[in-house]
């Protein structure tokens, strides 16, 4: 087996070169990762792609640009700089020194949190592996591949923690991260949203807006962890996650913009036959991806998340900016709830057990900002239609609303009414077929598919017509 050059091939700031045991473990894992990448990574053959590569955590090091062959991308391992004076900010250990090693009593829980986060990273690559076949432009194709390689690097980040701090069990879990596959009947990914298809670019833009935004908030809670290596890993990952959400935000911006252009050009809302995505179809795609992403926050009341918080394993979003006591033993929160008879009410719960809802509320507020952007595009064009986020109970499969039928405007209905109206709420087979029909690849520099507007700027100062990807 070829020895890996840990300074050149895997840029890192964790001194891999001096840890022979860890080197051997990663030497065993890396070829399996590359096999997974070849089998489950991007399916479109390319020569090279204009990518951003992190080689250090500092301002000058974390964003180097250049054309790189995808299998030769340098998946590095980076933790943000250590603060030797860092204290635990919440829970029963508040005020104590942050942990540099895993406390034995929290070993299983910390490992589980890292595995769940790690499992989402390769899952999204698997979901998106065929999208390159229908890319609307080389600019978009490059952005897809940038997201893919960074999800691969985030997998490396979690695998490093498993190998470095969790011994044999950690190594076994790292192997399993490559054996589960998105949508597999026998070995699916852990979280439901990561077993859904991403069959087209509209779904990709929605996924990177809504589902990657969930990733932002989950990483934000782990960044607060008392386990310092996990905290520092997630802090650096959040830098890269911002790009993924930018792809989603501006991607939907550009679809809405093009839809408006076609509506005004042809003086009609019926633009399906004109090569565009109608506004009602856009709303249905938003409804689906938003509701599926809400399920990722878990149950509305959770003793597990309460225990994680109390133990210091997982905090709240922007924990240190909160003005309470950061222990929450006597605090209460109000959450939406549905009674057995279908009545929607507000229910008071201990704040510790309602932490999933606290995080979900932060996410919902963030998602609403995108809707405001897209509505501003409509308003500027003189179109009085508006987009909206559906009710938090709409189309839910996890939590208190699971098993109930709630319309986007928050009405509880029976199954027969839902069945009669669901085609107004969620993408139909015909909607998906139409969107699929628009997915014709455009690989000529400076050209773009007819259903999406070009970006306002290129990547790293390059123009839109730059040859971001050289196809094989």
Protein backbone atom coordinates (compact mmCIF):
# COMPACT_ATOMS: atom_id res chain seq x y z
CA UNK A 1 0.00 0.00 0.00
CA UNK A 2 1.29 3.44 -0.93
CA UNK A 3 2.17 5.64 2.03
CA UNK A 4 0.25 8.89 2.18
CA UNK A 5 2.15 12.17 2.30
CA UNK A 6 0.26 13.84 5.15
CA UNK A 7 1.76 17.26 4.53
CA UNK A 8 1.07 17.40 0.79
CA UNK A 9 -1.74 14.97 -0.03
CA UNK A 10 -3.86 15.66 3.06
CA UNK A 11 -3.23 19.22 4.24
CA UNK A 12 -3.92 19.40 7.96
CA UNK A 13 -3.22 21.27 11.16
CA UNK A 14 -3.50 18.29 13.52
CA UNK A 15 0.13 17.09 13.14
CA UNK A 16 -0.77 13.84 11.41
CA UNK A 17 2.83 13.23 10.43
CA UNK A 18 3.87 12.66 14.05
CA UNK A 19 1.12 10.16 14.94
CA UNK A 20 2.07 6.79 13.45
CA UNK A 21 -0.94 4.94 14.86
CA UNK A 22 -3.35 7.45 13.37
CA UNK A 23 -1.44 7.42 10.10
CA UNK A 24 -1.84 3.66 9.81
CA UNK A 25 -5.55 3.91 10.52
CA UNK A 26 -6.06 6.57 7.88
CA UNK A 27 -3.82 4.74 5.41
CA UNK A 28 -6.28 1.87 5.71
CA UNK A 29 -9.36 4.08 5.40
CA UNK A 30 -8.28 6.42 2.59
CA UNK A 31 -8.28 3.86 -0.26
CA UNK A 32 -11.79 2.80 0.76
CA UNK A 33 -12.87 6.44 0.66
CA UNK A 34 -11.46 6.80 -2.86
CA UNK A 35 -13.26 3.62 -3.93
CA UNK A 36 -16.49 5.06 -2.53
CA UNK A 37 -15.84 8.36 -4.37
CA UNK A 38 -15.29 6.55 -7.68
CA UNK A 39 -18.43 4.45 -7.22
CA UNK A 40 -20.81 6.92 -5.55
CA UNK A 41 -19.31 10.34 -6.30
CA UNK A 42 -19.97 12.53 -9.37
CA UNK A 43 -20.92 10.40 -12.37
CA UNK A 44 -20.04 12.95 -15.08
CA UNK A 45 -16.48 12.35 -16.37
CA UNK A 46 -14.26 15.44 -16.10
CA UNK A 47 -10.63 16.34 -16.65
CA UNK A 48 -10.52 19.00 -13.96
CA UNK A 49 -12.64 21.56 -12.12
CA UNK A 50 -11.94 25.09 -10.85
CA UNK A 51 -12.16 24.36 -7.12
CA UNK A 52 -11.46 25.99 -3.80
CA UNK A 53 -9.14 23.92 -1.60
CA UNK A 54 -8.47 24.56 2.07
CA UNK A 55 -4.81 24.22 3.03
CA UNK A 56 -4.94 26.05 6.37
CA UNK A 57 -7.50 27.60 8.71
CA UNK A 58 -6.11 31.13 8.46
CA UNK A 59 -7.33 33.95 6.24
CA UNK A 60 -4.71 33.19 3.58
CA UNK A 61 -4.96 29.43 3.69
CA UNK A 62 -8.51 28.18 3.64
CA UNK A 63 -9.46 29.20 0.08
CA UNK A 64 -6.96 28.37 -2.66
CA UNK A 65 -8.42 28.25 -6.19
CA UNK A 66 -7.26 26.28 -9.20
CA UNK A 67 -8.21 23.56 -11.66
CA UNK A 68 -8.02 20.14 -9.97
CA UNK A 69 -8.85 16.62 -11.14
CA UNK A 70 -11.64 15.51 -8.78
CA UNK A 71 -10.02 12.24 -7.58
CA UNK A 72 -6.86 14.23 -6.80
CA UNK A 73 -8.62 16.82 -4.64
CA UNK A 74 -6.74 17.35 -1.38
CA UNK A 75 -9.28 16.50 1.30
CA UNK A 76 -7.71 18.09 4.34
CA UNK A 77 -8.35 17.87 8.08
CA UNK A 78 -8.66 21.19 9.87
CA UNK A 79 -9.68 22.37 13.30
CA UNK A 80 -9.97 26.04 14.13
CA UNK A 81 -7.20 27.37 16.34
CA UNK A 82 -7.37 26.18 19.92
CA UNK A 83 -8.19 28.63 22.69
CA UNK A 84 -6.24 27.33 25.70
CA UNK A 85 -8.54 29.29 28.02
CA UNK A 86 -11.82 28.04 26.58
CA UNK A 87 -14.45 27.18 29.18
CA UNK A 88 -17.61 25.10 28.86
CA UNK A 89 -20.45 27.56 28.30
CA UNK A 90 -23.53 25.59 29.38
CA UNK A 91 -24.93 22.63 31.29
CA UNK A 92 -23.78 21.05 34.52
CA UNK A 93 -20.10 21.61 33.62
CA UNK A 94 -20.52 25.31 32.86
CA UNK A 95 -17.34 27.23 33.72
CA UNK A 96 -15.04 24.19 33.68
CA UNK A 97 -12.19 23.78 31.19
CA UNK A 98 -13.21 22.43 27.80
CA UNK A 99 -12.38 18.74 27.30
CA UNK A 100 -9.40 17.80 25.15
CA UNK A 101 -10.19 14.08 25.47
CA UNK A 102 -13.49 12.19 25.53
CA UNK A 103 -14.81 11.62 29.07
CA UNK A 104 -15.55 7.92 29.47
CA UNK A 105 -19.12 8.46 30.66
CA UNK A 106 -19.96 10.44 27.49
CA UNK A 107 -18.07 8.30 25.01
CA UNK A 108 -21.07 6.53 23.44
CA UNK A 109 -23.19 9.69 23.13
CA UNK A 110 -20.40 11.77 21.59
CA UNK A 111 -19.58 9.01 19.15
CA UNK A 112 -23.24 8.78 18.12
CA UNK A 113 -23.47 12.54 17.51
CA UNK A 114 -20.33 12.47 15.36
CA UNK A 115 -21.54 9.46 13.38
CA UNK A 116 -24.91 11.04 12.62
CA UNK A 117 -23.25 14.25 11.45
CA UNK A 118 -20.68 12.28 9.47
CA UNK A 119 -23.38 10.18 7.80
CA UNK A 120 -25.04 13.22 6.24
CA UNK A 121 -21.88 14.29 4.40
CA UNK A 122 -21.41 11.39 1.95
CA UNK A 123 -25.18 11.00 1.72
CA UNK A 124 -25.61 14.34 -0.07
CA UNK A 125 -22.82 13.45 -2.52
CA UNK A 126 -24.67 10.22 -3.31
CA UNK A 127 -27.96 12.07 -3.76
CA UNK A 128 -26.36 14.49 -6.21
CA UNK A 129 -24.04 12.15 -8.14
CA UNK A 130 -25.95 12.29 -11.46
CA UNK A 131 -26.78 16.00 -11.48
CA UNK A 132 -23.72 16.82 -13.57
CA UNK A 133 -25.42 15.09 -16.51
CA UNK A 134 -28.00 17.91 -16.67
CA UNK A 135 -26.06 20.96 -15.45
CA UNK A 136 -27.59 24.24 -16.69
CA UNK A 137 -24.13 25.86 -17.10
CA UNK A 138 -20.45 25.26 -16.40
CA UNK A 139 -20.73 27.75 -13.54
CA UNK A 140 -23.43 25.62 -11.90
CA UNK A 141 -21.54 22.42 -12.64
CA UNK A 142 -18.50 23.83 -10.86
CA UNK A 143 -20.61 24.81 -7.85
CA UNK A 144 -22.06 21.31 -7.67
CA UNK A 145 -18.58 19.79 -7.62
CA UNK A 146 -17.41 22.31 -5.00
CA UNK A 147 -20.27 21.26 -2.76
CA UNK A 148 -19.44 17.60 -3.38
CA UNK A 149 -15.74 17.82 -2.51
CA UNK A 150 -16.46 19.87 0.60
CA UNK A 151 -19.02 17.34 1.78
CA UNK A 152 -16.23 14.79 1.24
CA UNK A 153 -13.90 16.93 3.36
CA UNK A 154 -16.54 17.17 6.08
CA UNK A 155 -16.70 13.38 6.06
CA UNK A 156 -12.90 13.35 6.55
CA UNK A 157 -13.34 15.75 9.47
CA UNK A 158 -15.73 13.40 11.29
CA UNK A 159 -13.66 10.32 10.41
CA UNK A 160 -10.56 11.98 11.86
CA UNK A 161 -12.39 12.45 15.16
CA UNK A 162 -13.60 8.84 15.16
CA UNK A 163 -10.11 7.51 14.46
CA UNK A 164 -8.26 9.88 16.77
CA UNK A 165 -10.50 9.71 19.86
CA UNK A 166 -12.73 6.61 19.78
CA UNK A 167 -10.39 3.67 19.22
CA UNK A 168 -11.58 0.46 17.58
CA UNK A 169 -15.27 1.40 17.80
CA UNK A 170 -14.50 4.69 16.07
CA UNK A 171 -12.62 2.93 13.28
CA UNK A 172 -15.52 0.53 12.77
CA UNK A 173 -17.99 3.41 12.60
CA UNK A 174 -15.75 5.16 10.05
CA UNK A 175 -15.95 2.04 7.87
CA UNK A 176 -19.74 2.01 8.14
CA UNK A 177 -19.94 5.60 6.91
CA UNK A 178 -18.78 4.30 3.52
CA UNK A 179 -21.02 1.21 3.51
CA UNK A 180 -24.38 2.93 3.99
CA UNK A 181 -25.78 4.54 0.84
CA UNK A 182 -28.51 7.09 0.24
CA UNK A 183 -31.78 5.40 -0.67
CA UNK A 184 -30.45 1.87 -0.15
CA UNK A 185 -33.09 -0.61 0.99
CA UNK A 186 -30.55 -2.70 2.88
CA UNK A 187 -28.26 -0.01 4.33
CA UNK A 188 -29.84 3.46 4.05
CA UNK A 189 -28.45 6.66 5.49
CA UNK A 190 -29.46 7.36 9.09
CA UNK A 191 -31.68 10.42 8.53
CA UNK A 192 -34.71 10.27 6.25
CA UNK A 193 -34.07 13.46 4.26
CA UNK A 194 -30.76 12.00 3.11
CA UNK A 195 -32.50 9.05 1.49
CA UNK A 196 -34.64 11.28 -0.73
CA UNK A 197 -33.72 11.72 -4.37
CA UNK A 198 -32.17 14.90 -5.72
CA UNK A 199 -33.23 14.21 -9.31
CA UNK A 200 -33.00 17.68 -10.84
CA UNK A 201 -31.37 21.07 -10.38
CA UNK A 202 -34.45 22.73 -8.93
CA UNK A 203 -34.37 20.08 -6.20
CA UNK A 204 -30.63 20.70 -5.78
CA UNK A 205 -31.14 24.43 -5.25
CA UNK A 206 -33.93 23.71 -2.76
CA UNK A 207 -31.81 21.09 -1.00
CA UNK A 208 -28.82 23.40 -0.63
CA UNK A 209 -31.10 26.19 0.61
CA UNK A 210 -33.27 24.23 3.05
CA UNK A 211 -31.45 21.00 3.97
CA UNK A 212 -27.91 22.39 4.04
CA UNK A 213 -29.30 25.18 6.20
CA UNK A 214 -30.35 22.53 8.70
CA UNK A 215 -26.72 21.39 8.53
CA UNK A 216 -25.61 24.88 9.47
CA UNK A 217 -27.70 24.82 12.63
CA UNK A 218 -26.71 21.28 13.61
CA UNK A 219 -23.03 22.20 13.20
CA UNK A 220 -23.69 25.33 15.24
CA UNK A 221 -24.92 23.27 18.20
CA UNK A 222 -21.91 20.95 17.98
CA UNK A 223 -19.58 23.96 17.77
CA UNK A 224 -20.66 24.72 21.34
CA UNK A 225 -19.67 21.24 22.56
CA UNK A 226 -17.52 20.86 25.66
CA UNK A 227 -15.45 18.36 23.63
CA UNK A 228 -13.02 20.88 22.19
CA UNK A 229 -11.81 18.96 19.09
CA UNK A 230 -15.42 18.54 17.94
CA UNK A 231 -16.14 22.20 18.60
CA UNK A 232 -13.10 23.35 16.64
CA UNK A 233 -13.85 20.97 13.77
CA UNK A 234 -17.41 22.26 13.38
CA UNK A 235 -16.32 25.88 13.59
CA UNK A 236 -14.17 25.40 10.50
CA UNK A 237 -16.83 23.36 8.70
CA UNK A 238 -19.28 26.26 9.06
CA UNK A 239 -17.05 28.37 6.80
CA UNK A 240 -17.53 25.90 3.97
CA UNK A 241 -21.20 25.30 4.71
CA UNK A 242 -21.86 28.96 3.92
CA UNK A 243 -20.94 28.32 0.28
CA UNK A 244 -23.44 25.47 0.02
CA UNK A 245 -26.25 27.72 1.24
CA UNK A 246 -25.13 30.48 -1.15
CA UNK A 247 -25.56 28.02 -4.01
CA UNK A 248 -29.11 27.34 -2.86
CA UNK A 249 -30.07 30.93 -2.11
CA UNK A 250 -28.79 32.39 -5.37
CA UNK A 251 -29.92 29.33 -7.31
CA UNK A 252 -33.55 29.83 -6.31
CA UNK A 253 -33.07 33.60 -6.87
CA UNK A 254 -32.08 32.87 -10.45
CA UNK A 255 -34.96 30.46 -11.10
CA UNK A 256 -37.49 32.99 -9.78
CA UNK A 257 -35.84 35.74 -11.84
CA UNK A 258 -36.06 33.70 -15.03
CA UNK A 259 -39.67 32.72 -14.33
CA UNK A 260 -40.56 36.40 -13.95
CA UNK A 261 -38.74 37.24 -17.19
CA UNK A 262 -40.70 34.60 -19.09
CA UNK A 263 -44.00 35.71 -17.57
CA UNK A 264 -43.41 39.30 -18.64
CA UNK A 265 -42.01 38.37 -22.04
CA UNK A 266 -45.04 36.23 -22.92
CA UNK A 267 -47.59 38.14 -20.79
CA UNK A 268 -48.84 34.98 -19.13
CA UNK A 269 -48.47 33.00 -15.91
CA UNK A 270 -48.61 29.79 -17.95
CA UNK A 271 -44.92 29.52 -18.75
CA UNK A 272 -44.56 25.75 -18.59
CA UNK A 273 -44.84 25.59 -22.37
CA UNK A 274 -42.34 28.46 -22.63
CA UNK A 275 -39.53 26.54 -20.96
CA UNK A 276 -39.83 27.90 -17.43
CA UNK A 277 -40.80 26.79 -13.92
CA UNK A 278 -44.26 28.17 -12.97
CA UNK A 279 -44.61 29.99 -9.67
CA UNK A 280 -47.00 27.41 -8.22
CA UNK A 281 -44.50 24.63 -8.95
CA UNK A 282 -41.76 26.63 -7.22
CA UNK A 283 -44.01 26.96 -4.17
CA UNK A 284 -44.67 23.22 -4.11
CA UNK A 285 -40.96 22.43 -4.27
CA UNK A 286 -40.37 24.85 -1.39
CA UNK A 287 -43.13 23.16 0.61
CA UNK A 288 -41.61 19.73 0.14
CA UNK A 289 -37.98 20.53 0.88
CA UNK A 290 -38.81 22.77 3.83
CA UNK A 291 -41.08 20.22 5.50
CA UNK A 292 -38.65 17.33 4.97
CA UNK A 293 -35.85 19.45 6.41
CA UNK A 294 -37.93 20.29 9.51
CA UNK A 295 -38.03 16.58 10.30
CA UNK A 296 -34.23 16.65 10.69
CA UNK A 297 -34.63 18.57 13.95
CA UNK A 298 -36.16 15.50 15.60
CA UNK A 299 -38.99 15.23 18.10
CA UNK A 300 -40.53 18.31 19.64
CA UNK A 301 -39.88 16.98 23.13
CA UNK A 302 -36.65 15.05 23.64
CA UNK A 303 -35.01 13.75 26.78
CA UNK A 304 -31.95 12.84 24.72
CA UNK A 305 -31.31 16.43 23.66
CA UNK A 306 -31.93 17.55 27.26
CA UNK A 307 -29.29 15.08 28.45
CA UNK A 308 -26.85 16.18 25.74
CA UNK A 309 -27.24 19.79 26.84
CA UNK A 310 -26.93 19.10 30.55
CA UNK A 311 -23.82 16.98 29.94
CA UNK A 312 -22.23 19.68 27.77
CA UNK A 313 -22.19 17.62 24.56
CA UNK A 314 -24.39 19.81 22.37
CA UNK A 315 -25.40 23.41 23.02
CA UNK A 316 -27.84 25.87 21.52
CA UNK A 317 -27.35 28.04 18.46
CA UNK A 318 -25.11 30.96 19.53
CA UNK A 319 -25.15 29.69 23.10
CA UNK A 320 -22.88 32.36 24.55
CA UNK A 321 -25.09 35.17 23.24
CA UNK A 322 -28.05 33.89 25.27
CA UNK A 323 -28.87 35.91 28.36
CA UNK A 324 -30.24 33.13 30.60
CA UNK A 325 -28.31 30.99 33.08
CA UNK A 326 -27.19 28.42 30.41
CA UNK A 327 -28.42 25.57 32.62
CA UNK A 328 -32.20 25.84 32.03
CA UNK A 329 -33.16 23.64 34.99
CA UNK A 330 -36.10 25.84 35.93
CA UNK A 331 -36.91 27.33 32.51
CA UNK A 332 -39.93 26.60 30.32
CA UNK A 333 -40.65 26.98 26.62
CA UNK A 334 -43.87 27.19 24.63
CA UNK A 335 -44.11 24.90 21.62
CA UNK A 336 -46.80 24.21 19.00
CA UNK A 337 -48.69 21.00 19.70
CA UNK A 338 -51.61 19.00 18.29
CA UNK A 339 -54.13 17.33 20.57
CA UNK A 340 -55.48 13.84 19.95
CA UNK A 341 -58.66 15.38 18.54
CA UNK A 342 -56.68 17.42 16.02
CA UNK A 343 -56.79 20.76 17.83
CA UNK A 344 -53.69 22.93 17.38
CA UNK A 345 -52.57 24.47 20.66
CA UNK A 346 -49.53 26.00 22.37
CA UNK A 347 -48.04 23.78 25.07
CA UNK A 348 -45.54 24.63 27.80
CA UNK A 349 -42.64 22.24 28.30
CA UNK A 350 -39.43 22.32 30.32
CA UNK A 351 -36.95 24.25 28.18
CA UNK A 352 -34.42 21.43 28.36
CA UNK A 353 -36.71 18.94 26.66
CA UNK A 354 -37.83 21.53 24.06
CA UNK A 355 -34.34 22.34 22.75
CA UNK A 356 -35.09 20.78 19.35
CA UNK A 357 -37.89 23.31 18.93
CA UNK A 358 -35.59 26.13 20.05
CA UNK A 359 -33.15 25.20 17.27
CA UNK A 360 -35.95 24.66 14.77
CA UNK A 361 -37.30 28.15 15.48
CA UNK A 362 -33.87 29.66 14.74
CA UNK A 363 -33.88 27.73 11.44
CA UNK A 364 -37.40 28.83 10.53
CA UNK A 365 -36.49 32.47 11.04
CA UNK A 366 -33.45 32.03 8.81
CA UNK A 367 -35.45 30.28 6.08
CA UNK A 368 -37.94 33.13 6.02
CA UNK A 369 -35.17 35.47 4.87
CA UNK A 370 -34.91 33.58 1.59
CA UNK A 371 -38.66 33.81 1.05
CA UNK A 372 -38.42 37.58 1.53
CA UNK A 373 -35.68 37.72 -1.14
CA UNK A 374 -37.76 35.76 -3.61
CA UNK A 375 -40.88 37.81 -2.89
CA UNK A 376 -38.85 40.98 -3.48
CA UNK A 377 -38.00 39.70 -6.97
CA UNK A 378 -41.72 39.21 -7.64
CA UNK A 379 -42.63 42.61 -6.20
CA UNK A 380 -39.95 44.42 -8.23
CA UNK A 381 -41.48 42.87 -11.35
CA UNK A 382 -44.97 44.04 -10.39
CA UNK A 383 -46.25 40.51 -9.72
CA UNK A 384 -48.64 40.33 -6.76
CA UNK A 385 -48.13 36.60 -6.07
CA UNK A 386 -46.05 35.83 -2.97
CA UNK A 387 -44.24 32.76 -1.73
CA UNK A 388 -44.61 31.55 1.86
CA UNK A 389 -43.30 28.87 4.19
CA UNK A 390 -45.97 26.30 5.09
CA UNK A 391 -47.16 25.71 8.63
CA UNK A 392 -44.63 23.89 10.82
CA UNK A 393 -46.99 20.89 10.98
CA UNK A 394 -47.35 20.51 7.22
CA UNK A 395 -46.24 17.18 5.68
CA UNK A 396 -44.36 16.07 8.79
CA UNK A 397 -43.14 12.53 9.42
CA UNK A 398 -41.30 13.21 12.71
CA UNK A 399 -42.52 14.77 15.94
CA UNK A 400 -45.90 15.75 17.33
CA UNK A 401 -47.39 16.48 13.89
CA UNK A 402 -46.48 13.10 12.44
CA UNK A 403 -49.58 11.17 11.44
CA UNK A 404 -51.71 14.31 11.14
CA UNK A 405 -52.76 16.12 7.98
CA UNK A 406 -52.21 19.86 8.20
CA UNK A 407 -52.49 22.21 5.23
CA UNK A 408 -49.84 24.83 4.43
CA UNK A 409 -52.02 27.51 6.02
CA UNK A 410 -52.32 25.53 9.26
CA UNK A 411 -55.72 23.83 8.99
CA UNK A 412 -56.09 20.30 10.32
CA UNK A 413 -57.96 18.16 7.78
CA UNK A 414 -58.94 14.52 7.43
CA UNK A 415 -57.25 12.10 5.07
CA UNK A 416 -59.93 12.37 2.38
CA UNK A 417 -59.62 16.16 2.26
CA UNK A 418 -55.83 15.91 2.18
CA UNK A 419 -55.94 13.41 -0.68
CA UNK A 420 -58.22 15.71 -2.64
CA UNK A 421 -56.00 18.77 -2.16
CA UNK A 422 -52.44 17.42 -1.90
CA UNK A 423 -51.71 18.13 -5.58
CA UNK A 424 -52.02 21.82 -4.71
CA UNK A 425 -49.43 21.48 -1.94
CA UNK A 426 -46.69 19.12 -3.11
CA UNK A 427 -45.06 18.45 -6.49
CA UNK A 428 -47.14 16.10 -8.63
CA UNK A 429 -45.83 13.51 -11.07
CA UNK A 430 -46.65 15.97 -13.87
CA UNK A 431 -44.79 18.79 -12.09
CA UNK A 432 -41.72 16.59 -11.71
CA UNK A 433 -41.97 15.44 -15.32
CA UNK A 434 -42.07 19.06 -16.50
CA UNK A 435 -39.07 20.04 -14.37
CA UNK A 436 -37.23 16.97 -15.61
CA UNK A 437 -37.95 18.00 -19.21
CA UNK A 438 -36.13 21.30 -18.59
CA UNK A 439 -32.98 19.55 -17.40
CA UNK A 440 -31.00 19.73 -20.63
CA UNK A 441 -27.23 20.10 -20.09
CA UNK A 442 -25.40 23.25 -21.22
CA UNK A 443 -21.64 22.82 -21.22
CA UNK A 444 -20.55 25.73 -23.45
CA UNK A 445 -18.77 28.50 -21.53
CA UNK A 446 -20.98 31.58 -21.14
CA UNK A 447 -24.19 29.73 -22.09
CA UNK A 448 -27.02 28.74 -19.76
CA UNK A 449 -30.25 26.74 -19.82
CA UNK A 450 -33.45 28.64 -20.61
CA UNK A 451 -35.18 28.01 -17.25
CA UNK A 452 -32.63 29.78 -15.01
CA UNK A 453 -31.03 33.23 -15.14
CA UNK A 454 -27.23 33.61 -15.18
CA UNK A 455 -25.48 34.61 -11.94
CA UNK A 456 -24.62 38.24 -11.26
CA UNK A 457 -20.96 37.39 -10.64
CA UNK A 458 -18.60 34.49 -11.28
CA UNK A 459 -16.33 32.59 -8.92
CA UNK A 460 -13.25 34.21 -7.35
CA UNK A 461 -13.34 37.17 -9.71
CA UNK A 462 -13.66 35.02 -12.82
CA UNK A 463 -16.36 35.95 -15.38
CA UNK A 464 -19.45 33.83 -15.98
CA UNK A 465 -18.05 32.69 -19.33
CA UNK A 466 -14.88 31.29 -17.72
CA UNK A 467 -14.25 27.59 -18.45
CA UNK A 468 -14.85 26.41 -14.88
CA UNK A 469 -14.94 22.74 -15.84
CA UNK A 470 -12.96 20.81 -18.46
CA UNK A 471 -15.01 17.76 -19.42
CA UNK A 472 -13.35 14.44 -20.19
